[in-house]
C-alpha atoms as a PDB file:
ATOM      1  CA  MET A   1     -36.347 122.692 -22.770  1.00  0.00           C
ATOM      2  CA  MET A   2     -33.593 123.415 -25.242  1.00  0.00           C
ATOM      3  CA  MET A   3     -34.765 125.783 -27.907  1.00  0.00           C
ATOM      4  CA  PRO A   4     -33.917 125.130 -31.577  1.00  0.00           C
ATOM      5  CA  ARG A   5     -31.560 127.464 -33.323  1.00  0.00           C
ATOM      6  CA  LYS A   6     -33.000 129.361 -36.228  1.00  0.00           C
ATOM      7  CA  SER A   7     -30.675 130.790 -38.847  1.00  0.00           C
ATOM      8  CA  ILE A   8     -31.363 134.489 -39.196  1.00  0.00           C
ATOM      9  CA  GLY A   9     -29.058 135.332 -42.087  1.00  0.00           C
ATOM     10  CA  LEU A  10     -28.474 139.062 -41.987  1.00  0.00           C
ATOM     11  CA  ARG A  11     -31.154 139.881 -39.417  1.00  0.00           C
ATOM     12  CA  PRO A  12     -29.764 139.513 -35.861  1.00  0.00           C
ATOM     13  CA  ALA A  13     -32.177 139.753 -32.965  1.00  0.00           C
ATOM     14  CA  VAL A  14     -31.642 142.973 -31.045  1.00  0.00           C
ATOM     15  CA  ALA A  15     -32.630 143.722 -27.456  1.00  0.00           C
ATOM     16  CA  VAL A  16     -32.355 147.320 -26.306  1.00  0.00           C
ATOM     17  CA  ALA A  17     -31.984 148.949 -22.886  1.00  0.00           C
ATOM     18  CA  LEU A  18     -31.470 152.669 -22.275  1.00  0.00           C
ATOM     19  CA  VAL A  19     -27.971 154.076 -21.737  1.00  0.00           C
ATOM     20  CA  SER A  20     -26.933 156.573 -19.082  1.00  0.00           C
ATOM     21  CA  ALA A  21     -25.782 160.069 -20.000  1.00  0.00           C
ATOM     22  CA  ALA A  22     -22.210 159.170 -19.134  1.00  0.00           C
ATOM     23  CA  VAL A  23     -22.212 156.287 -21.568  1.00  0.00           C
ATOM     24  CA  LEU A  24     -23.770 158.444 -24.255  1.00  0.00           C
ATOM     25  CA  ALA A  25     -20.922 160.860 -23.832  1.00  0.00           C
ATOM     26  CA  ALA A  26     -18.091 158.334 -23.684  1.00  0.00           C
ATOM     27  CA  GLY A  27     -19.326 155.164 -25.412  1.00  0.00           C
ATOM     28  CA  CYS A  28     -17.093 153.294 -27.829  1.00  0.00           C
ATOM     29  CA  VAL A  29     -17.837 153.535 -31.542  1.00  0.00           C
ATOM     30  CA  ALA A  30     -16.408 150.995 -33.958  1.00  0.00           C
ATOM     31  CA  GLN A  31     -13.893 152.340 -36.428  1.00  0.00           C
ATOM     32  CA  GLN A  32     -15.580 152.614 -39.786  1.00  0.00           C
ATOM     33  CA  PRO A  33     -13.837 151.402 -42.946  1.00  0.00           C
ATOM     34  CA  ASP A  34     -11.885 153.773 -45.126  1.00  0.00           C
ATOM     35  CA  GLN A  35     -14.316 155.013 -47.737  1.00  0.00           C
ATOM     36  CA  GLY A  36     -11.516 154.977 -50.279  1.00  0.00           C
ATOM     37  CA  GLY A  37     -11.134 151.197 -50.262  1.00  0.00           C
ATOM     38  CA  GLN A  38     -13.865 148.590 -50.651  1.00  0.00           C
ATOM     39  CA  ASP A  39     -11.798 145.932 -48.901  1.00  0.00           C
ATOM     40  CA  ALA A  40     -11.121 147.923 -45.705  1.00  0.00           C
ATOM     41  CA  LEU A  41     -12.311 146.149 -42.557  1.00  0.00           C
ATOM     42  CA  ILE A  42     -14.164 147.587 -39.569  1.00  0.00           C
ATOM     43  CA  LYS A  43     -12.207 147.083 -36.359  1.00  0.00           C
ATOM     44  CA  VAL A  44     -14.398 145.642 -33.594  1.00  0.00           C
ATOM     45  CA  SER A  45     -13.539 144.260 -30.155  1.00  0.00           C
ATOM     46  CA  VAL A  46     -15.584 141.655 -28.310  1.00  0.00           C
ATOM     47  CA  ALA A  47     -15.017 140.441 -24.750  1.00  0.00           C
ATOM     48  CA  THR A  48     -15.981 137.023 -23.417  1.00  0.00           C
ATOM     49  CA  ALA A  49     -14.905 134.872 -20.506  1.00  0.00           C
ATOM     50  CA  GLY A  50     -12.265 132.194 -21.122  1.00  0.00           C
ATOM     51  CA  SER A  51     -12.943 128.911 -22.880  1.00  0.00           C
ATOM     52  CA  SER A  52     -16.739 128.851 -22.807  1.00  0.00           C
ATOM     53  CA  PHE A  53     -19.395 127.499 -25.127  1.00  0.00           C
ATOM     54  CA  PRO A  54     -20.601 130.896 -26.377  1.00  0.00           C
ATOM     55  CA  ARG A  55     -17.011 131.972 -27.113  1.00  0.00           C
ATOM     56  CA  PHE A  56     -16.275 128.962 -29.311  1.00  0.00           C
ATOM     57  CA  PRO A  57     -18.130 130.018 -32.496  1.00  0.00           C
ATOM     58  CA  VAL A  58     -16.583 133.483 -32.224  1.00  0.00           C
ATOM     59  CA  GLU A  59     -13.076 131.993 -32.220  1.00  0.00           C
ATOM     60  CA  LEU A  60     -14.038 129.526 -34.932  1.00  0.00           C
ATOM     61  CA  GLY A  61     -15.386 132.307 -37.144  1.00  0.00           C
ATOM     62  CA  GLN A  62     -12.214 134.270 -36.634  1.00  0.00           C
ATOM     63  CA  GLN A  63     -10.031 131.286 -37.605  1.00  0.00           C
ATOM     64  CA  LEU A  64     -12.119 130.541 -40.690  1.00  0.00           C
ATOM     65  CA  GLY A  65     -12.117 134.183 -41.813  1.00  0.00           C
ATOM     66  CA  ILE A  66     -15.903 134.398 -41.605  1.00  0.00           C
ATOM     67  CA  PHE A  67     -15.962 137.734 -39.798  1.00  0.00           C
ATOM     68  CA  LYS A  68     -13.530 139.178 -42.323  1.00  0.00           C
ATOM     69  CA  ASP A  69     -15.909 138.024 -45.034  1.00  0.00           C
ATOM     70  CA  GLU A  70     -18.518 140.139 -43.269  1.00  0.00           C
ATOM     71  CA  GLY A  71     -16.165 143.120 -43.301  1.00  0.00           C
ATOM     72  CA  ILE A  72     -15.086 142.905 -39.637  1.00  0.00           C
ATOM     73  CA  ASP A  73     -11.557 142.871 -38.234  1.00  0.00           C
ATOM     74  CA  LEU A  74     -12.470 141.184 -34.949  1.00  0.00           C
ATOM     75  CA  GLU A  75     -10.389 141.344 -31.772  1.00  0.00           C
ATOM     76  CA  ILE A  76     -11.385 138.803 -29.097  1.00  0.00           C
ATOM     77  CA  VAL A  77     -10.629 139.907 -25.545  1.00  0.00           C
ATOM     78  CA  THR A  78     -10.717 137.649 -22.487  1.00  0.00           C
ATOM     79  CA  ALA A  79     -12.447 139.295 -19.530  1.00  0.00           C
ATOM     80  CA  ASP A  80     -14.954 138.331 -16.879  1.00  0.00           C
ATOM     81  CA  PRO A  81     -18.445 139.814 -17.370  1.00  0.00           C
ATOM     82  CA  THR A  82     -18.061 142.577 -14.779  1.00  0.00           C
ATOM     83  CA  ALA A  83     -14.717 143.738 -16.149  1.00  0.00           C
ATOM     84  CA  ALA A  84     -16.096 143.604 -19.681  1.00  0.00           C
ATOM     85  CA  MET A  85     -19.038 145.844 -18.787  1.00  0.00           C
ATOM     86  CA  ALA A  86     -16.698 148.313 -17.102  1.00  0.00           C
ATOM     87  CA  ALA A  87     -14.531 148.375 -20.227  1.00  0.00           C
ATOM     88  CA  GLN A  88     -17.599 149.039 -22.353  1.00  0.00           C
ATOM     89  CA  MET A  89     -18.627 151.869 -20.083  1.00  0.00           C
ATOM     90  CA  ALA A  90     -15.113 153.299 -20.448  1.00  0.00           C
ATOM     91  CA  GLY A  91     -15.282 152.919 -24.233  1.00  0.00           C
ATOM     92  CA  SER A  92     -12.338 150.530 -24.583  1.00  0.00           C
ATOM     93  CA  ILE A  93     -14.381 147.508 -25.750  1.00  0.00           C
ATOM     94  CA  ASP A  94     -17.229 147.551 -28.250  1.00  0.00           C
ATOM     95  CA  MET A  95     -19.256 144.514 -27.223  1.00  0.00           C
ATOM     96  CA  SER A  96     -19.280 141.661 -24.727  1.00  0.00           C
ATOM     97  CA  LEU A  97     -21.070 138.435 -23.950  1.00  0.00           C
ATOM     98  CA  GLN A  98     -23.364 138.794 -20.948  1.00  0.00           C
ATOM     99  CA  ALA A  99     -25.946 136.667 -19.187  1.00  0.00           C
ATOM    100  CA  THR A 100     -29.448 138.031 -18.657  1.00  0.00           C
ATOM    101  CA  PRO A 101     -28.944 138.412 -14.866  1.00  0.00           C
ATOM    102  CA  ASN A 102     -25.922 140.654 -15.514  1.00  0.00           C
ATOM    103  CA  LEU A 103     -27.998 142.888 -17.759  1.00  0.00           C
ATOM    104  CA  ILE A 104     -30.740 143.122 -15.128  1.00  0.00           C
ATOM    105  CA  VAL A 105     -28.267 144.009 -12.378  1.00  0.00           C
ATOM    106  CA  ALA A 106     -26.641 146.610 -14.660  1.00  0.00           C
ATOM    107  CA  ARG A 107     -30.076 148.036 -15.330  1.00  0.00           C
ATOM    108  CA  GLU A 108     -30.728 148.353 -11.611  1.00  0.00           C
ATOM    109  CA  ASN A 109     -27.384 150.170 -11.263  1.00  0.00           C
ATOM    110  CA  GLY A 110     -28.230 152.641 -14.009  1.00  0.00           C
ATOM    111  CA  GLN A 111     -25.825 151.054 -16.508  1.00  0.00           C
ATOM    112  CA  HIS A 112     -27.892 150.349 -19.579  1.00  0.00           C
ATOM    113  CA  PHE A 113     -26.739 147.984 -22.265  1.00  0.00           C
ATOM    114  CA  VAL A 114     -28.169 146.463 -25.444  1.00  0.00           C
ATOM    115  CA  PHE A 115     -28.702 142.807 -26.257  1.00  0.00           C
ATOM    116  CA  PHE A 116     -28.000 142.805 -29.982  1.00  0.00           C
ATOM    117  CA  CYS A 117     -27.309 139.159 -30.839  1.00  0.00           C
ATOM    118  CA  GLY A 118     -28.187 135.979 -28.994  1.00  0.00           C
ATOM    119  CA  SER A 119     -25.842 133.159 -28.138  1.00  0.00           C
ATOM    120  CA  THR A 120     -27.237 130.556 -25.751  1.00  0.00           C
ATOM    121  CA  PRO A 121     -30.903 130.155 -24.770  1.00  0.00           C
ATOM    122  CA  VAL A 122     -30.067 127.879 -21.818  1.00  0.00           C
ATOM    123  CA  PHE A 123     -27.643 127.660 -18.931  1.00  0.00           C
ATOM    124  CA  THR A 124     -25.024 125.195 -20.092  1.00  0.00           C
ATOM    125  CA  GLN A 125     -23.614 123.518 -16.994  1.00  0.00           C
ATOM    126  CA  ARG A 126     -23.126 119.866 -16.137  1.00  0.00           C
ATOM    127  CA  LEU A 127     -23.139 118.191 -12.742  1.00  0.00           C
ATOM    128  CA  THR A 128     -20.137 115.907 -12.765  1.00  0.00           C
ATOM    129  CA  THR A 129     -18.856 113.410 -10.195  1.00  0.00           C
ATOM    130  CA  MET A 130     -16.319 110.651  -9.700  1.00  0.00           C
ATOM    131  CA  ASP A 131     -18.957 108.610  -7.828  1.00  0.00           C
ATOM    132  CA  ALA A 132     -20.362 105.894 -10.084  1.00  0.00           C
ATOM    133  CA  SER A 133     -23.163 105.176  -7.617  1.00  0.00           C
ATOM    134  CA  MET A 134     -24.850 108.576  -8.049  1.00  0.00           C
ATOM    135  CA  PRO A 135     -28.134 108.656  -9.997  1.00  0.00           C
ATOM    136  CA  ALA A 136     -27.685 109.921 -13.552  1.00  0.00           C
ATOM    137  CA  GLU A 137     -29.962 111.094 -16.330  1.00  0.00           C
ATOM    138  CA  GLY A 138     -28.257 108.713 -18.714  1.00  0.00           C
ATOM    139  CA  ASN A 139     -29.175 105.768 -16.490  1.00  0.00           C
ATOM    140  CA  GLY A 140     -32.875 106.560 -16.557  1.00  0.00           C
ATOM    141  CA  ASP A 141     -32.976 108.735 -13.446  1.00  0.00           C
ATOM    142  CA  ASP A 142     -34.406 112.241 -13.678  1.00  0.00           C
ATOM    143  CA  TRP A 143     -33.188 115.572 -12.331  1.00  0.00           C
ATOM    144  CA  GLN A 144     -35.174 115.165  -9.112  1.00  0.00           C
ATOM    145  CA  ASP A 145     -33.441 111.880  -8.321  1.00  0.00           C
ATOM    146  CA  VAL A 146     -30.052 113.475  -8.925  1.00  0.00           C
ATOM    147  CA  LEU A 147     -30.724 116.532  -6.766  1.00  0.00           C
ATOM    148  CA  ARG A 148     -32.117 114.386  -3.939  1.00  0.00           C
ATOM    149  CA  SER A 149     -28.906 112.347  -4.019  1.00  0.00           C
ATOM    150  CA  LEU A 150     -26.927 115.478  -3.125  1.00  0.00           C
ATOM    151  CA  LYS A 151     -28.148 115.431   0.489  1.00  0.00           C
ATOM    152  CA  GLY A 152     -25.175 115.109   2.815  1.00  0.00           C
ATOM    153  CA  LYS A 153     -22.682 115.832   0.040  1.00  0.00           C
ATOM    154  CA  THR A 154     -20.330 118.707  -0.744  1.00  0.00           C
ATOM    155  CA  ILE A 155     -21.088 120.347  -4.091  1.00  0.00           C
ATOM    156  CA  SER A 156     -19.138 123.048  -5.884  1.00  0.00           C
ATOM    157  CA  VAL A 157     -20.417 125.890  -8.058  1.00  0.00           C
ATOM    158  CA  ALA A 158     -18.312 128.562  -9.732  1.00  0.00           C
ATOM    159  CA  ALA A 159     -19.040 131.057  -6.944  1.00  0.00           C
ATOM    160  CA  VAL A 160     -21.368 131.091  -3.944  1.00  0.00           C
ATOM    161  CA  GLY A 161     -24.058 133.687  -4.551  1.00  0.00           C
ATOM    162  CA  ASP A 162     -23.822 133.628  -8.335  1.00  0.00           C
ATOM    163  CA  SER A 163     -26.765 132.757 -10.550  1.00  0.00           C
ATOM    164  CA  ILE A 164     -26.059 129.030 -10.764  1.00  0.00           C
ATOM    165  CA  ASP A 165     -25.871 128.868  -6.967  1.00  0.00           C
ATOM    166  CA  LEU A 166     -29.181 130.708  -6.587  1.00  0.00           C
ATOM    167  CA  MET A 167     -30.869 128.550  -9.240  1.00  0.00           C
ATOM    168  CA  LEU A 168     -29.553 125.364  -7.640  1.00  0.00           C
ATOM    169  CA  ARG A 169     -30.873 126.411  -4.238  1.00  0.00           C
ATOM    170  CA  ASP A 170     -34.279 127.174  -5.786  1.00  0.00           C
ATOM    171  CA  GLY A 171     -34.374 123.704  -7.327  1.00  0.00           C
ATOM    172  CA  LEU A 172     -33.410 122.030  -4.052  1.00  0.00           C
ATOM    173  CA  ARG A 173     -36.016 123.933  -2.041  1.00  0.00           C
ATOM    174  CA  GLY A 174     -38.668 122.878  -4.551  1.00  0.00           C
ATOM    175  CA  LEU A 175     -37.891 119.281  -3.580  1.00  0.00           C
ATOM    176  CA  GLY A 176     -38.053 120.011   0.143  1.00  0.00           C
ATOM    177  CA  ILE A 177     -34.260 120.017   0.532  1.00  0.00           C
ATOM    178  CA  ASP A 178     -32.727 122.769   2.674  1.00  0.00           C
ATOM    179  CA  PRO A 179     -29.576 123.948   0.842  1.00  0.00           C
ATOM    180  CA  GLU A 180     -28.302 125.526   4.068  1.00  0.00           C
ATOM    181  CA  LYS A 181     -28.593 122.372   6.181  1.00  0.00           C
ATOM    182  CA  ASP A 182     -28.936 119.276   4.015  1.00  0.00           C
ATOM    183  CA  LEU A 183     -25.758 119.676   1.934  1.00  0.00           C
ATOM    184  CA  THR A 184     -22.716 121.899   1.587  1.00  0.00           C
ATOM    185  CA  ILE A 185     -22.339 124.232  -1.396  1.00  0.00           C
ATOM    186  CA  ILE A 186     -18.938 125.840  -1.931  1.00  0.00           C
ATOM    187  CA  GLY A 187     -17.448 128.046  -4.639  1.00  0.00           C
ATOM    188  CA  ILE A 188     -14.652 126.657  -6.805  1.00  0.00           C
ATOM    189  CA  LYS A 189     -13.687 127.865 -10.279  1.00  0.00           C
ATOM    190  CA  PRO A 190     -14.394 125.231 -12.973  1.00  0.00           C
ATOM    191  CA  ASP A 191     -10.775 124.312 -13.763  1.00  0.00           C
ATOM    192  CA  ALA A 192     -10.012 123.955 -10.065  1.00  0.00           C
ATOM    193  CA  ALA A 193     -13.217 121.968  -9.577  1.00  0.00           C
ATOM    194  CA  ARG A 194     -11.842 119.298 -11.867  1.00  0.00           C
ATOM    195  CA  THR A 195      -8.861 118.869  -9.536  1.00  0.00           C
ATOM    196  CA  ALA A 196     -11.084 119.044  -6.449  1.00  0.00           C
ATOM    197  CA  LEU A 197     -13.187 116.195  -7.832  1.00  0.00           C
ATOM    198  CA  THR A 198     -10.296 113.938  -8.736  1.00  0.00           C
ATOM    199  CA  GLN A 199      -8.722 114.525  -5.315  1.00  0.00           C
ATOM    200  CA  GLY A 200     -11.982 113.839  -3.477  1.00  0.00           C
ATOM    201  CA  GLN A 201     -12.347 117.349  -2.029  1.00  0.00           C
ATOM    202  CA  VAL A 202     -15.917 117.616  -3.359  1.00  0.00           C
ATOM    203  CA  ASP A 203     -18.489 114.952  -4.175  1.00  0.00           C
ATOM    204  CA  ALA A 204     -19.865 116.630  -7.306  1.00  0.00           C
ATOM    205  CA  ALA A 205     -19.269 119.848  -9.236  1.00  0.00           C
ATOM    206  CA  PHE A 206     -21.229 122.029 -11.626  1.00  0.00           C
ATOM    207  CA  VAL A 207     -18.873 122.802 -14.505  1.00  0.00           C
ATOM    208  CA  PRO A 208     -19.104 123.990 -18.136  1.00  0.00           C
ATOM    209  CA  PRO A 209     -19.497 121.266 -20.793  1.00  0.00           C
ATOM    210  CA  TYR A 210     -15.869 121.422 -21.893  1.00  0.00           C
ATOM    211  CA  VAL A 211     -14.647 120.772 -18.356  1.00  0.00           C
ATOM    212  CA  ASP A 212     -17.282 118.056 -18.028  1.00  0.00           C
ATOM    213  CA  VAL A 213     -15.818 116.278 -21.058  1.00  0.00           C
ATOM    214  CA  GLN A 214     -12.369 116.401 -19.462  1.00  0.00           C
ATOM    215  CA  ILE A 215     -13.654 114.992 -16.159  1.00  0.00           C
ATOM    216  CA  VAL A 216     -15.386 112.136 -17.961  1.00  0.00           C
ATOM    217  CA  ALA A 217     -12.092 111.399 -19.722  1.00  0.00           C
ATOM    218  CA  ASP A 218     -10.471 111.319 -16.255  1.00  0.00           C
ATOM    219  CA  GLY A 219     -12.862 108.515 -15.296  1.00  0.00           C
ATOM    220  CA  GLY A 220     -15.667 110.670 -13.930  1.00  0.00           C
ATOM    221  CA  PHE A 221     -19.366 110.737 -14.744  1.00  0.00           C
ATOM    222  CA  SER A 222     -21.692 113.396 -16.131  1.00  0.00           C
ATOM    223  CA  VAL A 223     -24.951 112.911 -14.227  1.00  0.00           C
ATOM    224  CA  LEU A 224     -27.109 115.960 -14.941  1.00  0.00           C
ATOM    225  CA  LYS A 225     -27.596 118.837 -17.393  1.00  0.00           C
ATOM    226  CA  THR A 226     -28.859 122.090 -15.939  1.00  0.00           C
ATOM    227  CA  GLU A 227     -31.179 122.379 -18.938  1.00  0.00           C
ATOM    228  CA  SER A 228     -33.198 119.584 -17.306  1.00  0.00           C
ATOM    229  CA  ILE A 229     -33.842 121.508 -14.070  1.00  0.00           C
ATOM    230  CA  PRO A 230     -36.872 123.866 -14.253  1.00  0.00           C
ATOM    231  CA  SER A 231     -35.302 126.353 -11.829  1.00  0.00           C
ATOM    232  CA  PHE A 232     -32.501 126.975 -14.352  1.00  0.00           C
ATOM    233  CA  ALA A 233     -34.867 128.040 -17.141  1.00  0.00           C
ATOM    234  CA  GLY A 234     -34.199 131.515 -18.437  1.00  0.00           C
ATOM    235  CA  TYR A 235     -30.468 131.769 -17.932  1.00  0.00           C
ATOM    236  CA  SER A 236     -29.743 132.914 -21.461  1.00  0.00           C
ATOM    237  CA  SER A 237     -26.717 134.860 -22.617  1.00  0.00           C
ATOM    238  CA  ALA A 238     -26.316 137.304 -25.473  1.00  0.00           C
ATOM    239  CA  PHE A 239     -23.876 139.790 -26.912  1.00  0.00           C
ATOM    240  CA  THR A 240     -24.286 143.280 -25.553  1.00  0.00           C
ATOM    241  CA  ALA A 241     -23.221 146.816 -26.411  1.00  0.00           C
ATOM    242  CA  THR A 242     -24.243 150.256 -25.275  1.00  0.00           C
ATOM    243  CA  LYS A 243     -27.283 151.810 -26.889  1.00  0.00           C
ATOM    244  CA  GLU A 244     -25.060 154.480 -28.401  1.00  0.00           C
ATOM    245  CA  TRP A 245     -22.786 151.898 -29.989  1.00  0.00           C
ATOM    246  CA  VAL A 246     -25.654 150.006 -31.600  1.00  0.00           C
ATOM    247  CA  GLU A 247     -27.350 153.180 -32.801  1.00  0.00           C
ATOM    248  CA  ALA A 248     -24.056 154.425 -34.284  1.00  0.00           C
ATOM    249  CA  ASN A 249     -23.103 151.041 -35.750  1.00  0.00           C
ATOM    250  CA  PRO A 250     -26.256 149.123 -36.753  1.00  0.00           C
ATOM    251  CA  ASP A 251     -24.551 147.673 -39.824  1.00  0.00           C
ATOM    252  CA  VAL A 252     -21.603 146.464 -37.751  1.00  0.00           C
ATOM    253  CA  ALA A 253     -23.960 144.749 -35.296  1.00  0.00           C
ATOM    254  CA  ARG A 254     -25.747 143.119 -38.243  1.00  0.00           C
ATOM    255  CA  ARG A 255     -22.462 141.950 -39.772  1.00  0.00           C
ATOM    256  CA  PHE A 256     -21.213 140.512 -36.490  1.00  0.00           C
ATOM    257  CA  CYS A 257     -24.399 138.548 -35.902  1.00  0.00           C
ATOM    258  CA  ALA A 258     -24.464 137.327 -39.502  1.00  0.00           C
ATOM    259  CA  GLY A 259     -20.872 136.149 -39.059  1.00  0.00           C
ATOM    260  CA  LEU A 260     -21.750 134.435 -35.796  1.00  0.00           C
ATOM    261  CA  ASP A 261     -24.647 132.643 -37.464  1.00  0.00           C
ATOM    262  CA  ARG A 262     -22.369 131.389 -40.244  1.00  0.00           C
ATOM    263  CA  SER A 263     -19.794 130.327 -37.657  1.00  0.00           C
ATOM    264  CA  ILE A 264     -22.391 128.251 -35.820  1.00  0.00           C
ATOM    265  CA  ASP A 265     -23.328 126.558 -39.095  1.00  0.00           C
ATOM    266  CA  ALA A 266     -19.624 125.788 -39.643  1.00  0.00           C
ATOM    267  CA  ILE A 267     -19.456 123.692 -36.463  1.00  0.00           C
ATOM    268  CA  ASP A 268     -21.336 120.850 -38.147  1.00  0.00           C
ATOM    269  CA  ASP A 269     -19.885 121.391 -41.634  1.00  0.00           C
ATOM    270  CA  PRO A 270     -17.635 118.428 -42.617  1.00  0.00           C
ATOM    271  CA  GLU A 271     -15.485 120.858 -44.602  1.00  0.00           C
ATOM    272  CA  HIS A 272     -14.388 122.503 -41.349  1.00  0.00           C
ATOM    273  CA  GLN A 273     -14.180 119.417 -39.118  1.00  0.00           C
ATOM    274  CA  GLU A 274     -10.380 119.535 -38.789  1.00  0.00           C
ATOM    275  CA  VAL A 275     -10.397 123.181 -37.715  1.00  0.00           C
ATOM    276  CA  VAL A 276     -13.260 122.579 -35.265  1.00  0.00           C
ATOM    277  CA  ASP A 277     -11.576 119.519 -33.761  1.00  0.00           C
ATOM    278  CA  ASN A 278      -8.217 121.250 -33.425  1.00  0.00           C
ATOM    279  CA  LEU A 279      -9.798 124.243 -31.707  1.00  0.00           C
ATOM    280  CA  LEU A 280     -11.653 121.997 -29.269  1.00  0.00           C
ATOM    281  CA  THR A 281      -8.525 120.099 -28.281  1.00  0.00           C
ATOM    282  CA  SER A 282      -5.907 122.856 -28.405  1.00  0.00           C
ATOM    283  CA  THR A 283      -7.856 125.739 -26.839  1.00  0.00           C
ATOM    284  CA  TYR A 284     -10.723 124.140 -24.937  1.00  0.00           C
ATOM    285  CA  GLY A 285      -8.896 121.188 -23.431  1.00  0.00           C
ATOM    286  CA  VAL A 286     -11.106 118.478 -24.897  1.00  0.00           C
ATOM    287  CA  PRO A 287      -9.185 115.159 -24.783  1.00  0.00           C
ATOM    288  CA  GLU A 288      -7.814 114.032 -28.131  1.00  0.00           C
ATOM    289  CA  ASN A 289     -10.075 111.064 -28.650  1.00  0.00           C
ATOM    290  CA  ARG A 290     -12.895 110.775 -31.142  1.00  0.00           C
ATOM    291  CA  ALA A 291     -15.681 110.211 -28.612  1.00  0.00           C
ATOM    292  CA  ALA A 292     -14.763 113.239 -26.492  1.00  0.00           C
ATOM    293  CA  VAL A 293     -14.357 115.532 -29.495  1.00  0.00           C
ATOM    294  CA  ASP A 294     -17.600 114.356 -31.092  1.00  0.00           C
ATOM    295  CA  SER A 295     -19.455 114.875 -27.815  1.00  0.00           C
ATOM    296  CA  ALA A 296     -18.114 118.413 -27.391  1.00  0.00           C
ATOM    297  CA  ARG A 297     -18.805 119.244 -31.016  1.00  0.00           C
ATOM    298  CA  ALA A 298     -22.393 117.952 -30.888  1.00  0.00           C
ATOM    299  CA  THR A 299     -23.164 119.761 -27.649  1.00  0.00           C
ATOM    300  CA  GLN A 300     -21.717 122.989 -28.986  1.00  0.00           C
ATOM    301  CA  ALA A 301     -23.733 122.814 -32.207  1.00  0.00           C
ATOM    302  CA  SER A 302     -26.980 122.060 -30.374  1.00  0.00           C
ATOM    303  CA  ILE A 303     -26.758 124.856 -27.814  1.00  0.00           C
ATOM    304  CA  VAL A 304     -25.373 128.053 -29.337  1.00  0.00           C
ATOM    305  CA  SER A 305     -27.760 130.298 -31.200  1.00  0.00           C
ATOM    306  CA  THR A 306     -28.128 133.775 -32.652  1.00  0.00           C
ATOM    307  CA  GLU A 307     -31.691 134.071 -31.412  1.00  0.00           C
ATOM    308  CA  ILE A 308     -32.823 136.046 -28.374  1.00  0.00           C
ATOM    309  CA  HIS A 309     -35.673 134.299 -26.576  1.00  0.00           C
ATOM    310  CA  ARG A 310     -38.449 136.275 -24.909  1.00  0.00           C
ATOM    311  CA  ASP A 311     -39.568 133.468 -22.599  1.00  0.00           C
ATOM    312  CA  ALA A 312     -36.048 132.939 -21.269  1.00  0.00           C
ATOM    313  CA  ILE A 313     -35.557 136.637 -20.537  1.00  0.00           C
ATOM    314  CA  GLU A 314     -38.977 137.016 -18.908  1.00  0.00           C
ATOM    315  CA  SER A 315     -38.259 133.978 -16.745  1.00  0.00           C
ATOM    316  CA  MET A 316     -34.982 135.533 -15.638  1.00  0.00           C
ATOM    317  CA  ILE A 317     -36.691 138.833 -14.835  1.00  0.00           C
ATOM    318  CA  GLU A 318     -39.060 137.012 -12.474  1.00  0.00           C
ATOM    319  CA  LYS A 319     -36.188 135.128 -10.830  1.00  0.00           C
ATOM    320  CA  SER A 320     -34.215 138.333 -10.348  1.00  0.00           C
ATOM    321  CA  LYS A 321     -37.178 139.935  -8.603  1.00  0.00           C
ATOM    322  CA  ALA A 322     -37.368 136.959  -6.249  1.00  0.00           C
ATOM    323  CA  TRP A 323     -33.636 137.284  -5.543  1.00  0.00           C
ATOM    324  CA  GLY A 324     -33.943 140.982  -4.789  1.00  0.00           C
ATOM    325  CA  GLN A 325     -32.121 142.048  -7.966  1.00  0.00           C
ATOM    326  CA  GLY A 326     -35.167 143.720  -9.504  1.00  0.00           C
ATOM    327  CA  GLY A 327     -35.898 146.588  -7.171  1.00  0.00           C
ATOM    328  CA  ARG A 328     -38.522 148.019  -9.472  1.00  0.00           C
ATOM    329  CA  ALA A 329     -40.743 146.468 -12.114  1.00  0.00           C
ATOM    330  CA  ILE A 330     -38.269 145.899 -14.941  1.00  0.00           C
ATOM    331  CA  THR A 331     -40.097 144.623 -18.016  1.00  0.00           C
ATOM    332  CA  TYR A 332     -39.123 142.691 -21.096  1.00  0.00           C
ATOM    333  CA  GLU A 333     -39.980 145.748 -23.196  1.00  0.00           C
ATOM    334  CA  GLU A 334     -37.389 147.787 -21.311  1.00  0.00           C
ATOM    335  CA  LEU A 335     -34.669 145.214 -21.912  1.00  0.00           C
ATOM    336  CA  VAL A 336     -35.660 144.051 -25.378  1.00  0.00           C
ATOM    337  CA  ALA A 337     -36.540 145.910 -28.561  1.00  0.00           C
ATOM    338  CA  PRO A 338     -37.492 144.669 -32.037  1.00  0.00           C
ATOM    339  CA  PRO A 339     -34.710 143.530 -34.373  1.00  0.00           C
ATOM    340  CA  ALA A 340     -32.578 146.287 -35.871  1.00  0.00           C
ATOM    341  CA  ARG A 341     -33.488 147.142 -39.453  1.00  0.00           C
END
């Protein structure tokens, strides 16, 4: 179930994991403002993947000057999650957007990071197809009908062995479908999946919402939201930093999360509609028609959040243990601490 976003003002949720000695020695610390000038900004870098739902409010806040209002000179860096964590360990990036499974795996590898501000409490993927005959949630069918219809088909996920692949296989097995024998699952990056669908190379593809909107504009169909599938519960993402960074920069973390919260509010603010629409079409590839833009805007506003959700993280901990990613008994208390004061 999608969890409602709660505005937290200046009190971001913070989740803390321990940091290795190497990180404590070399971690990145945000540049503090010049004490001689009240208007000096704190330089902060944040890494996210390319055009993704959680990245959108960060870019929107930057364009609207919201982060500057909070006293932050924000640099947005594009990097995949693994590269971003490595850069944080090296001290070249302050913070990054990470999914809960990444944090758990890092924990197992002795690389300890901090969840300091939430972003999405659900896994935001859409199953999209060019086949109008497939069952679809919008036509009254449920997620079980849609997954059963995948038997004998070729389905793409971003990468075989990643979390969406593992969650999909769990959901299929729960319905008595053997993901190794009853269908074919292959790895194709989301942008390439759009081409693979239109060229008939795959029957259906799990893609981010922005790519889903583009496929629908191409004449395709969005048949399922991963939020509907119980096996996908718990795949939350949040902004992370090293423990040292958060302890050295608690006010910066608070300002960033406050800015993110204001940026999320701006998505639905009529005053900023032109900026929001332009960002969706120019950067995120949403087709320039009212229905597509409104759909992307509404989905974005309903999903992103500054909250960190205990139930989602605990669910992911249990899944990671089942997948062999939790070699010892990692607990919520080890990954999550009370909000910073």
